[in-house]
Amino acid sequence: MGSASGKIVVGVDGSEGSVEALRMAGRLAPALDASIHAISCWHFPPIYEGYVPPDFDAFEASTKKKLEAAVEQAFGENTPADLSTELLRGPAPELLVEAGKEAVMLVVGRRGHGGFRGMHLGSVSSACVSHAACPVLVLHEDGKVHGRSHHWGRREHD
């Protein structure tokens, strides 16, 4: 690939969607002459605040393990040579949007849940789409395109 002129930032939380995001970044990086920068964010649950001193090392170690497993699952023995990883402490939406300021693209998985499964973005992917300075690609857990066979808003007649 040579020296990359930019980077694709990938948000990784260990979900199938984030593994698909890594795979897609691996396919897009050569075309964009970009490296891949996988970011996992960790933040201790608010329930711990004020009750028990949080075990920062445990939260960070757990996140690191998920990141390593996701990279292994996405690429196996064919991990791109110019892939870098980073653990960041703090809320994922803000940190990924910030990382996107220096990226040619931000890729995240969609884990949104709601009344219309498959039609909603999750809070992280929604924040990235709404606020990132670079293009954002959001992938479903299975990497497939989901939708209807007809145009949205068009009524079908009997």
Protein backbone atom coordinates (compact mmCIF):
# COMPACT_ATOMS: atom_id res chain seq x y z
CA MET A 1 0.00 0.00 0.00
CA GLY A 2 2.95 2.37 0.44
CA SER A 3 2.68 5.46 2.53
CA ALA A 4 -0.92 6.33 3.19
CA SER A 5 -2.07 9.90 2.70
CA GLY A 6 -4.88 9.66 5.22
CA LYS A 7 -6.59 7.36 7.65
CA ILE A 8 -9.89 5.62 8.00
CA VAL A 9 -11.03 5.71 11.61
CA VAL A 10 -13.04 2.69 12.72
CA GLY A 11 -15.07 2.61 15.92
CA VAL A 12 -14.72 -0.82 17.51
CA ASP A 13 -16.82 -2.07 20.42
CA GLY A 14 -16.51 -5.81 19.82
CA SER A 15 -19.94 -6.15 18.21
CA GLU A 16 -20.49 -7.89 14.86
CA GLY A 17 -21.21 -4.48 13.37
CA SER A 18 -17.82 -3.17 14.42
CA VAL A 19 -16.09 -6.29 13.03
CA GLU A 20 -17.87 -5.61 9.72
CA ALA A 21 -16.71 -2.00 9.96
CA LEU A 22 -13.11 -3.19 10.27
CA ARG A 23 -13.52 -5.50 7.28
CA MET A 24 -15.00 -2.70 5.18
CA ALA A 25 -12.19 -0.35 6.17
CA GLY A 26 -9.75 -3.04 5.04
CA ARG A 27 -11.42 -3.11 1.62
CA LEU A 28 -11.64 0.69 1.30
CA ALA A 29 -8.18 1.64 2.57
CA PRO A 30 -6.24 0.75 -0.61
CA ALA A 31 -8.66 2.71 -2.82
CA LEU A 32 -8.40 5.75 -0.56
CA ASP A 33 -4.62 5.39 -0.07
CA ALA A 34 -5.36 5.35 3.64
CA SER A 35 -4.25 3.55 6.75
CA ILE A 36 -6.74 2.08 9.22
CA HIS A 37 -6.96 3.42 12.76
CA ALA A 38 -9.20 1.29 15.00
CA ILE A 39 -10.43 3.04 18.13
CA SER A 40 -12.12 1.48 21.14
CA CYS A 41 -13.52 3.75 23.80
CA TRP A 42 -14.07 2.80 27.40
CA HIS A 43 -15.89 4.58 30.12
CA PHE A 44 -16.91 3.22 33.49
CA PRO A 45 -20.65 2.99 34.08
CA PRO A 46 -22.18 6.00 35.87
CA ILE A 47 -23.47 3.71 38.63
CA TYR A 48 -19.91 3.50 39.93
CA GLU A 49 -19.52 7.23 40.30
CA GLY A 50 -19.60 8.13 43.95
CA TYR A 51 -20.13 4.58 45.19
CA VAL A 52 -17.03 2.53 44.55
CA PRO A 53 -13.72 3.74 43.19
CA PRO A 54 -13.71 2.49 39.59
CA ASP A 55 -11.11 -0.04 38.55
CA PHE A 56 -9.76 1.85 35.54
CA ASP A 57 -7.29 -0.91 34.71
CA ALA A 58 -10.05 -3.52 34.52
CA PHE A 59 -12.22 -1.41 32.21
CA GLU A 60 -9.26 -0.60 29.97
CA ALA A 61 -8.07 -4.23 29.90
CA SER A 62 -11.54 -5.47 28.96
CA THR A 63 -11.77 -2.92 26.14
CA LYS A 64 -8.29 -3.83 24.89
CA LYS A 65 -9.26 -7.51 24.81
CA LYS A 66 -12.42 -6.72 22.79
CA LEU A 67 -10.42 -4.61 20.34
CA GLU A 68 -7.80 -7.31 19.83
CA ALA A 69 -10.49 -9.98 19.37
CA ALA A 70 -12.36 -7.82 16.83
CA VAL A 71 -9.18 -7.24 14.79
CA GLU A 72 -8.46 -10.98 14.87
CA GLN A 73 -12.02 -11.82 13.85
CA ALA A 74 -12.02 -9.26 11.03
CA PHE A 75 -8.64 -10.07 9.51
CA GLY A 76 -7.27 -13.29 11.01
CA GLU A 77 -3.67 -13.71 9.88
CA ASN A 78 -4.10 -11.05 7.17
CA THR A 79 -4.10 -7.99 9.43
CA PRO A 80 -3.19 -4.93 7.33
CA ALA A 81 0.37 -3.79 8.00
CA ASP A 82 -0.71 -0.17 8.42
CA LEU A 83 -3.49 -0.87 10.91
CA SER A 84 -3.07 0.94 14.22
CA THR A 85 -5.19 0.65 17.35
CA GLU A 86 -5.95 3.01 20.17
CA LEU A 87 -7.84 2.84 23.45
CA LEU A 88 -9.49 6.07 24.55
CA ARG A 89 -11.22 6.80 27.83
CA GLY A 90 -14.45 8.70 27.49
CA PRO A 91 -17.77 8.66 25.66
CA ALA A 92 -17.49 7.03 22.23
CA PRO A 93 -19.65 9.52 20.29
CA GLU A 94 -17.53 12.54 21.19
CA LEU A 95 -14.20 10.73 20.84
CA LEU A 96 -15.02 9.21 17.44
CA VAL A 97 -16.30 12.54 16.09
CA GLU A 98 -13.08 14.16 17.31
CA ALA A 99 -10.97 11.45 15.66
CA GLY A 100 -12.94 12.00 12.45
CA LYS A 101 -11.54 15.53 12.16
CA GLU A 102 -8.26 14.03 10.95
CA ALA A 103 -9.76 11.19 8.89
CA VAL A 104 -10.76 10.64 5.28
CA MET A 105 -13.63 8.49 6.54
CA LEU A 106 -15.19 7.24 9.76
CA VAL A 107 -16.64 3.71 9.75
CA VAL A 108 -18.88 2.37 12.51
CA GLY A 109 -21.27 -0.51 13.02
CA ARG A 110 -24.97 -0.04 13.65
CA ARG A 111 -26.38 -1.54 16.81
CA GLY A 112 -29.54 0.51 17.05
CA HIS A 113 -32.49 -1.15 18.71
CA GLY A 114 -36.02 0.04 18.69
CA GLY A 115 -39.54 -0.68 17.58
CA PHE A 116 -38.45 -1.04 13.96
CA ARG A 117 -35.38 -3.25 14.24
CA GLY A 118 -33.02 -2.58 11.39
CA MET A 119 -34.35 0.91 10.70
CA HIS A 120 -32.83 2.81 13.62
CA LEU A 121 -29.27 3.94 14.13
CA GLY A 122 -27.73 3.51 17.53
CA SER A 123 -26.70 6.53 19.58
CA VAL A 124 -23.01 6.29 18.61
CA SER A 125 -23.60 5.87 14.86
CA SER A 126 -26.27 8.58 14.91
CA ALA A 127 -23.93 11.03 16.66
CA CYS A 128 -21.15 10.25 14.18
CA VAL A 129 -23.43 10.79 11.17
CA SER A 130 -24.74 14.03 12.66
CA HIS A 131 -21.47 15.59 13.81
CA ALA A 132 -18.41 14.14 12.06
CA ALA A 133 -16.43 16.41 9.75
CA CYS A 134 -15.61 13.52 7.40
CA PRO A 135 -17.82 11.06 5.50
CA VAL A 136 -19.33 8.40 7.76
CA LEU A 137 -20.15 4.84 6.73
CA VAL A 138 -22.51 2.89 8.99
CA LEU A 139 -22.66 -0.90 8.57
CA HIS A 140 -25.24 -3.40 9.73
CA GLU A 141 -24.14 -6.29 11.96
CA ASP A 142 -24.25 -8.77 9.09
CA GLY A 143 -22.70 -6.46 6.50
CA LYS A 144 -25.73 -6.78 4.21
CA VAL A 145 -27.89 -4.04 2.78
CA HIS A 146 -31.32 -4.02 4.39
CA GLY A 147 -34.30 -2.37 2.87
CA ARG A 148 -37.44 -2.84 0.90
CA SER A 149 -37.70 -3.78 -2.74
CA HIS A 150 -39.74 -0.68 -3.56
CA HIS A 151 -39.01 3.01 -3.13
CA TRP A 152 -39.64 4.55 0.26
CA GLY A 153 -42.79 6.62 0.30
CA ARG A 154 -44.28 5.04 -2.78
CA ARG A 155 -47.59 3.30 -2.22
CA GLU A 156 -48.17 -0.06 -3.71
CA HIS A 157 -51.52 -0.58 -5.35
CA ASP A 158 -53.58 -3.76 -5.30
